[in-house]
PDB file of all heavy atoms in Angstrom:
ATOM      1  N   LEU A   1      20.455 -37.982 112.394  1.00  0.00           N
ATOM      2  CA  LEU A   1      21.543 -37.103 111.970  1.00  0.00           C
ATOM      3  C   LEU A   1      21.039 -36.033 111.004  1.00  0.00           C
ATOM      4  O   LEU A   1      21.354 -34.841 111.146  1.00  0.00           O
ATOM      5  CB  LEU A   1      22.652 -37.919 111.305  1.00  0.00           C
ATOM      6  CG  LEU A   1      23.419 -38.918 112.173  1.00  0.00           C
ATOM      7  CD1 LEU A   1      24.393 -39.720 111.314  1.00  0.00           C
ATOM      8  CD2 LEU A   1      24.165 -38.208 113.295  1.00  0.00           C
ATOM      9  N   LEU A   2      20.261 -36.452 110.020  1.00  0.00           N
ATOM     10  CA  LEU A   2      19.787 -35.505 109.013  1.00  0.00           C
ATOM     11  C   LEU A   2      18.818 -34.497 109.625  1.00  0.00           C
ATOM     12  O   LEU A   2      18.795 -33.329 109.236  1.00  0.00           O
ATOM     13  CB  LEU A   2      19.133 -36.260 107.848  1.00  0.00           C
ATOM     14  CG  LEU A   2      18.984 -35.481 106.530  1.00  0.00           C
ATOM     15  CD1 LEU A   2      20.325 -34.955 106.042  1.00  0.00           C
ATOM     16  CD2 LEU A   2      18.322 -36.342 105.468  1.00  0.00           C
ATOM     17  N   ARG A   3      18.040 -34.935 110.598  1.00  0.00           N
ATOM     18  CA  ARG A   3      17.159 -34.014 111.307  1.00  0.00           C
ATOM     19  C   ARG A   3      17.964 -32.950 112.038  1.00  0.00           C
ATOM     20  O   ARG A   3      17.625 -31.768 112.025  1.00  0.00           O
ATOM     21  CB  ARG A   3      16.305 -34.777 112.328  1.00  0.00           C
ATOM     22  CG  ARG A   3      15.056 -35.419 111.780  1.00  0.00           C
ATOM     23  CD  ARG A   3      14.350 -36.190 112.868  1.00  0.00           C
ATOM     24  NE  ARG A   3      13.077 -36.727 112.423  1.00  0.00           N
ATOM     25  CZ  ARG A   3      12.451 -37.730 113.023  1.00  0.00           C
ATOM     26  NH1 ARG A   3      12.999 -38.315 114.085  1.00  0.00           N
ATOM     27  NH2 ARG A   3      11.295 -38.161 112.563  1.00  0.00           N
ATOM     28  N   GLU A   4      19.051 -33.385 112.655  1.00  0.00           N
ATOM     29  CA  GLU A   4      19.809 -32.477 113.503  1.00  0.00           C
ATOM     30  C   GLU A   4      20.461 -31.340 112.730  1.00  0.00           C
ATOM     31  O   GLU A   4      20.401 -30.182 113.140  1.00  0.00           O
ATOM     32  CB  GLU A   4      20.873 -33.246 114.284  1.00  0.00           C
ATOM     33  CG  GLU A   4      21.704 -32.378 115.202  1.00  0.00           C
ATOM     34  CD  GLU A   4      22.662 -33.153 116.080  1.00  0.00           C
ATOM     35  OE1 GLU A   4      22.523 -34.397 116.170  1.00  0.00           O
ATOM     36  OE2 GLU A   4      23.565 -32.523 116.666  1.00  0.00           O
ATOM     37  N   TYR A   5      21.102 -31.642 111.617  1.00  0.00           N
ATOM     38  CA  TYR A   5      21.828 -30.577 110.947  1.00  0.00           C
ATOM     39  C   TYR A   5      21.133 -30.026 109.706  1.00  0.00           C
ATOM     40  O   TYR A   5      21.543 -28.988 109.178  1.00  0.00           O
ATOM     41  CB  TYR A   5      23.258 -31.029 110.602  1.00  0.00           C
ATOM     42  CG  TYR A   5      23.422 -31.845 109.343  1.00  0.00           C
ATOM     43  CD1 TYR A   5      23.828 -31.256 108.141  1.00  0.00           C
ATOM     44  CD2 TYR A   5      23.191 -33.223 109.332  1.00  0.00           C
ATOM     45  CE1 TYR A   5      23.999 -31.998 106.991  1.00  0.00           C
ATOM     46  CE2 TYR A   5      23.361 -33.972 108.186  1.00  0.00           C
ATOM     47  CZ  TYR A   5      23.766 -33.360 107.019  1.00  0.00           C
ATOM     48  OH  TYR A   5      23.929 -34.100 105.883  1.00  0.00           O
ATOM     49  N   ARG A   6      20.065 -30.689 109.274  1.00  0.00           N
ATOM     50  CA  ARG A   6      19.351 -30.215 108.088  1.00  0.00           C
ATOM     51  C   ARG A   6      17.875 -29.907 108.348  1.00  0.00           C
ATOM     52  O   ARG A   6      17.180 -29.387 107.488  1.00  0.00           O
ATOM     53  CB  ARG A   6      19.451 -31.264 106.977  1.00  0.00           C
ATOM     54  CG  ARG A   6      20.740 -31.221 106.166  1.00  0.00           C
ATOM     55  CD  ARG A   6      20.874 -29.941 105.392  1.00  0.00           C
ATOM     56  NE  ARG A   6      21.610 -30.113 104.146  1.00  0.00           N
ATOM     57  CZ  ARG A   6      21.707 -29.177 103.220  1.00  0.00           C
ATOM     58  NH1 ARG A   6      21.117 -28.024 103.378  1.00  0.00           N
ATOM     59  NH2 ARG A   6      22.409 -29.381 102.123  1.00  0.00           N
ATOM     60  N   GLY A   7      17.384 -30.258 109.539  1.00  0.00           N
ATOM     61  CA  GLY A   7      15.978 -30.013 109.830  1.00  0.00           C
ATOM     62  C   GLY A   7      15.040 -30.920 109.066  1.00  0.00           C
ATOM     63  O   GLY A   7      13.829 -30.673 109.011  1.00  0.00           O
ATOM     64  N   PHE A   8      15.570 -31.991 108.478  1.00  0.00           N
ATOM     65  CA  PHE A   8      14.775 -32.897 107.642  1.00  0.00           C
ATOM     66  C   PHE A   8      13.712 -33.600 108.489  1.00  0.00           C
ATOM     67  O   PHE A   8      13.975 -34.051 109.599  1.00  0.00           O
ATOM     68  CB  PHE A   8      15.701 -33.932 107.015  1.00  0.00           C
ATOM     69  CG  PHE A   8      15.079 -34.781 105.948  1.00  0.00           C
ATOM     70  CD1 PHE A   8      14.994 -34.319 104.639  1.00  0.00           C
ATOM     71  CD2 PHE A   8      14.598 -36.042 106.237  1.00  0.00           C
ATOM     72  CE1 PHE A   8      14.429 -35.101 103.643  1.00  0.00           C
ATOM     73  CE2 PHE A   8      14.037 -36.837 105.245  1.00  0.00           C
ATOM     74  CZ  PHE A   8      13.950 -36.359 103.946  1.00  0.00           C
ATOM     75  N   ASP A   9      12.486 -33.683 107.974  1.00  0.00           N
ATOM     76  CA  ASP A   9      11.379 -34.375 108.653  1.00  0.00           C
ATOM     77  C   ASP A   9      11.032 -33.702 109.982  1.00  0.00           C
ATOM     78  O   ASP A   9      10.700 -34.367 110.949  1.00  0.00           O
ATOM     79  CB  ASP A   9      11.718 -35.856 108.864  1.00  0.00           C
ATOM     80  CG  ASP A   9      10.504 -36.679 109.284  1.00  0.00           C
ATOM     81  OD1 ASP A   9       9.384 -36.354 108.843  1.00  0.00           O
ATOM     82  OD2 ASP A   9      10.679 -37.638 110.054  1.00  0.00           O
ATOM     83  N   GLN A  10      11.133 -32.382 110.017  1.00  0.00           N
ATOM     84  CA  GLN A  10      10.748 -31.635 111.211  1.00  0.00           C
ATOM     85  C   GLN A  10       9.772 -30.532 110.811  1.00  0.00           C
ATOM     86  O   GLN A  10       9.844 -29.991 109.708  1.00  0.00           O
ATOM     87  CB  GLN A  10      11.962 -30.998 111.886  1.00  0.00           C
ATOM     88  CG  GLN A  10      12.902 -31.981 112.534  1.00  0.00           C
ATOM     89  CD  GLN A  10      13.847 -31.305 113.505  1.00  0.00           C
ATOM     90  OE1 GLN A  10      13.963 -31.703 114.641  1.00  0.00           O
ATOM     91  NE2 GLN A  10      14.540 -30.279 113.048  1.00  0.00           N
ATOM     92  N   ALA A  11       8.902 -30.189 111.746  1.00  0.00           N
ATOM     93  CA  ALA A  11       7.930 -29.130 111.473  1.00  0.00           C
ATOM     94  C   ALA A  11       8.475 -27.758 111.845  1.00  0.00           C
ATOM     95  O   ALA A  11       7.842 -26.742 111.576  1.00  0.00           O
ATOM     96  CB  ALA A  11       6.644 -29.397 112.258  1.00  0.00           C
ATOM     97  N   ASP A  12       9.656 -27.710 112.438  1.00  0.00           N
ATOM     98  CA  ASP A  12      10.239 -26.464 112.914  1.00  0.00           C
ATOM     99  C   ASP A  12      10.830 -25.674 111.744  1.00  0.00           C
ATOM    100  O   ASP A  12      11.953 -25.917 111.327  1.00  0.00           O
ATOM    101  CB  ASP A  12      11.330 -26.757 113.958  1.00  0.00           C
ATOM    102  CG  ASP A  12      11.896 -25.476 114.561  1.00  0.00           C
ATOM    103  OD1 ASP A  12      11.388 -24.392 114.217  1.00  0.00           O
ATOM    104  OD2 ASP A  12      12.828 -25.577 115.375  1.00  0.00           O
ATOM    105  N   THR A  13      10.074 -24.715 111.242  1.00  0.00           N
ATOM    106  CA  THR A  13      10.549 -23.927 110.110  1.00  0.00           C
ATOM    107  C   THR A  13      11.443 -22.773 110.551  1.00  0.00           C
ATOM    108  O   THR A  13      11.917 -22.001 109.722  1.00  0.00           O
ATOM    109  CB  THR A  13       9.358 -23.351 109.313  1.00  0.00           C
ATOM    110  OG1 THR A  13       8.532 -22.584 110.207  1.00  0.00           O
ATOM    111  CG2 THR A  13       8.537 -24.453 108.690  1.00  0.00           C
ATOM    112  N   SER A  14      11.696 -22.633 111.863  1.00  0.00           N
ATOM    113  CA  SER A  14      12.607 -21.591 112.326  1.00  0.00           C
ATOM    114  C   SER A  14      14.056 -21.978 112.077  1.00  0.00           C
ATOM    115  O   SER A  14      14.956 -21.152 112.128  1.00  0.00           O
ATOM    116  CB  SER A  14      12.405 -21.316 113.820  1.00  0.00           C
ATOM    117  OG  SER A  14      12.793 -22.436 114.599  1.00  0.00           O
ATOM    118  N   LEU A  15      14.287 -23.269 111.818  1.00  0.00           N
ATOM    119  CA  LEU A  15      15.629 -23.721 111.486  1.00  0.00           C
ATOM    120  C   LEU A  15      16.098 -23.038 110.210  1.00  0.00           C
ATOM    121  O   LEU A  15      15.310 -22.799 109.298  1.00  0.00           O
ATOM    122  CB  LEU A  15      15.656 -25.240 111.291  1.00  0.00           C
ATOM    123  CG  LEU A  15      15.489 -26.099 112.549  1.00  0.00           C
ATOM    124  CD1 LEU A  15      15.213 -27.536 112.151  1.00  0.00           C
ATOM    125  CD2 LEU A  15      16.743 -26.034 113.407  1.00  0.00           C
ATOM    126  N   GLU A  16      17.385 -22.709 110.155  1.00  0.00           N
ATOM    127  CA  GLU A  16      17.912 -22.043 108.978  1.00  0.00           C
ATOM    128  C   GLU A  16      18.216 -23.068 107.886  1.00  0.00           C
ATOM    129  O   GLU A  16      19.346 -23.248 107.464  1.00  0.00           O
ATOM    130  CB  GLU A  16      19.169 -21.238 109.346  1.00  0.00           C
ATOM    131  CG  GLU A  16      18.885 -20.068 110.268  1.00  0.00           C
ATOM    132  CD  GLU A  16      20.115 -19.249 110.552  1.00  0.00           C
ATOM    133  OE1 GLU A  16      21.161 -19.532 109.960  1.00  0.00           O
ATOM    134  OE2 GLU A  16      20.021 -18.331 111.371  1.00  0.00           O
ATOM    135  N   THR A  17      17.191 -23.750 107.457  1.00  0.00           N
ATOM    136  CA  THR A  17      17.344 -24.755 106.404  1.00  0.00           C
ATOM    137  C   THR A  17      16.031 -24.862 105.652  1.00  0.00           C
ATOM    138  O   THR A  17      14.956 -24.795 106.242  1.00  0.00           O
ATOM    139  CB  THR A  17      17.717 -26.128 106.990  1.00  0.00           C
ATOM    140  OG1 THR A  17      17.630 -27.117 105.969  1.00  0.00           O
ATOM    141  CG2 THR A  17      16.792 -26.530 108.115  1.00  0.00           C
ATOM    142  N   TYR A  18      16.131 -25.010 104.357  1.00  0.00           N
ATOM    143  CA  TYR A  18      14.920 -25.056 103.537  1.00  0.00           C
ATOM    144  C   TYR A  18      14.145 -26.351 103.690  1.00  0.00           C
ATOM    145  O   TYR A  18      12.970 -26.417 103.384  1.00  0.00           O
ATOM    146  CB  TYR A  18      15.272 -24.826 102.066  1.00  0.00           C
ATOM    147  CG  TYR A  18      16.346 -25.731 101.527  1.00  0.00           C
ATOM    148  CD1 TYR A  18      16.042 -26.960 100.983  1.00  0.00           C
ATOM    149  CD2 TYR A  18      17.682 -25.350 101.569  1.00  0.00           C
ATOM    150  CE1 TYR A  18      17.029 -27.793 100.494  1.00  0.00           C
ATOM    151  CE2 TYR A  18      18.672 -26.173 101.078  1.00  0.00           C
ATOM    152  CZ  TYR A  18      18.351 -27.391 100.539  1.00  0.00           C
ATOM    153  OH  TYR A  18      19.338 -28.218 100.070  1.00  0.00           O
ATOM    154  N   SER A  19      14.802 -27.431 104.174  1.00  0.00           N
ATOM    155  CA  SER A  19      14.072 -28.694 104.317  1.00  0.00           C
ATOM    156  C   SER A  19      13.266 -28.739 105.613  1.00  0.00           C
ATOM    157  O   SER A  19      12.390 -29.579 105.771  1.00  0.00           O
ATOM    158  CB  SER A  19      15.040 -29.887 104.264  1.00  0.00           C
ATOM    159  OG  SER A  19      15.998 -29.809 105.302  1.00  0.00           O
ATOM    160  N   GLY A  20      13.559 -27.834 106.553  1.00  0.00           N
ATOM    161  CA  GLY A  20      12.747 -27.765 107.763  1.00  0.00           C
ATOM    162  C   GLY A  20      11.340 -27.327 107.415  1.00  0.00           C
ATOM    163  O   GLY A  20      11.147 -26.310 106.758  1.00  0.00           O
ATOM    164  N   GLY A  21      10.359 -28.081 107.807  1.00  0.00           N
ATOM    165  CA  GLY A  21       8.971 -27.754 107.497  1.00  0.00           C
ATOM    166  C   GLY A  21       8.427 -28.475 106.277  1.00  0.00           C
ATOM    167  O   GLY A  21       7.216 -28.504 106.072  1.00  0.00           O
ATOM    168  N   LEU A  22       9.301 -29.047 105.450  1.00  0.00           N
ATOM    169  CA  LEU A  22       8.824 -29.806 104.291  1.00  0.00           C
ATOM    170  C   LEU A  22       8.228 -31.127 104.785  1.00  0.00           C
ATOM    171  O   LEU A  22       8.915 -31.910 105.436  1.00  0.00           O
ATOM    172  CB  LEU A  22       9.981 -30.092 103.330  1.00  0.00           C
ATOM    173  CG  LEU A  22       9.653 -30.972 102.111  1.00  0.00           C
ATOM    174  CD1 LEU A  22       8.655 -30.272 101.204  1.00  0.00           C
ATOM    175  CD2 LEU A  22      10.939 -31.316 101.351  1.00  0.00           C
ATOM    176  N   PRO A  23       6.952 -31.370 104.509  1.00  0.00           N
ATOM    177  CA  PRO A  23       6.321 -32.610 105.006  1.00  0.00           C
ATOM    178  C   PRO A  23       6.750 -33.817 104.173  1.00  0.00           C
ATOM    179  O   PRO A  23       5.997 -34.340 103.353  1.00  0.00           O
ATOM    180  CB  PRO A  23       4.825 -32.322 104.861  1.00  0.00           C
ATOM    181  CG  PRO A  23       4.747 -31.363 103.710  1.00  0.00           C
ATOM    182  CD  PRO A  23       5.987 -30.524 103.788  1.00  0.00           C
ATOM    183  N   VAL A  24       7.971 -34.271 104.398  1.00  0.00           N
ATOM    184  CA  VAL A  24       8.573 -35.287 103.541  1.00  0.00           C
ATOM    185  C   VAL A  24       7.791 -36.591 103.513  1.00  0.00           C
ATOM    186  O   VAL A  24       7.861 -37.347 102.540  1.00  0.00           O
ATOM    187  CB  VAL A  24      10.036 -35.552 103.949  1.00  0.00           C
ATOM    188  CG1 VAL A  24      10.887 -34.330 103.666  1.00  0.00           C
ATOM    189  CG2 VAL A  24      10.138 -35.958 105.428  1.00  0.00           C
ATOM    190  N   ARG A  25       7.039 -36.859 104.580  1.00  0.00           N
ATOM    191  CA  ARG A  25       6.272 -38.108 104.627  1.00  0.00           C
ATOM    192  C   ARG A  25       5.002 -38.038 103.778  1.00  0.00           C
ATOM    193  O   ARG A  25       4.352 -39.059 103.550  1.00  0.00           O
ATOM    194  CB  ARG A  25       5.937 -38.473 106.075  1.00  0.00           C
ATOM    195  CG  ARG A  25       7.189 -38.759 106.906  1.00  0.00           C
ATOM    196  CD  ARG A  25       6.897 -39.083 108.354  1.00  0.00           C
ATOM    197  NE  ARG A  25       8.129 -39.198 109.111  1.00  0.00           N
ATOM    198  CZ  ARG A  25       8.845 -40.326 109.224  1.00  0.00           C
ATOM    199  NH1 ARG A  25       8.414 -41.417 108.629  1.00  0.00           N
ATOM    200  NH2 ARG A  25       9.957 -40.346 109.920  1.00  0.00           N
ATOM    201  N   ASP A  26       4.654 -36.848 103.343  1.00  0.00           N
ATOM    202  CA  ASP A  26       3.495 -36.689 102.468  1.00  0.00           C
ATOM    203  C   ASP A  26       3.872 -36.763 100.986  1.00  0.00           C
ATOM    204  O   ASP A  26       2.997 -36.731 100.120  1.00  0.00           O
ATOM    205  CB  ASP A  26       2.814 -35.339 102.720  1.00  0.00           C
ATOM    206  CG  ASP A  26       2.175 -35.265 104.100  1.00  0.00           C
ATOM    207  OD1 ASP A  26       1.906 -36.329 104.687  1.00  0.00           O
ATOM    208  OD2 ASP A  26       1.962 -34.139 104.585  1.00  0.00           O
ATOM    209  N   LEU A  27       5.156 -36.859 100.703  1.00  0.00           N
ATOM    210  CA  LEU A  27       5.620 -36.922  99.324  1.00  0.00           C
ATOM    211  C   LEU A  27       5.736 -38.363  98.859  1.00  0.00           C
ATOM    212  O   LEU A  27       6.063 -39.253  99.641  1.00  0.00           O
ATOM    213  CB  LEU A  27       6.988 -36.242  99.170  1.00  0.00           C
ATOM    214  CG  LEU A  27       7.020 -34.722  98.989  1.00  0.00           C
ATOM    215  CD1 LEU A  27       6.382 -34.003 100.177  1.00  0.00           C
ATOM    216  CD2 LEU A  27       8.453 -34.239  98.791  1.00  0.00           C
ATOM    217  N   ALA A  28       5.440 -38.592  97.594  1.00  0.00           N
ATOM    218  CA  ALA A  28       5.717 -39.892  96.970  1.00  0.00           C
ATOM    219  C   ALA A  28       7.134 -39.819  96.431  1.00  0.00           C
ATOM    220  O   ALA A  28       7.456 -38.939  95.627  1.00  0.00           O
ATOM    221  CB  ALA A  28       4.731 -40.168  95.846  1.00  0.00           C
TER     222      ALA A  28
END
């Protein structure tokens, strides 16, 4: 769900969301 509307945990930075492209799995 969060991927779909927020682009969370996706590499697609073309999405109109600031979390798209953030490598969340690399963060502690």
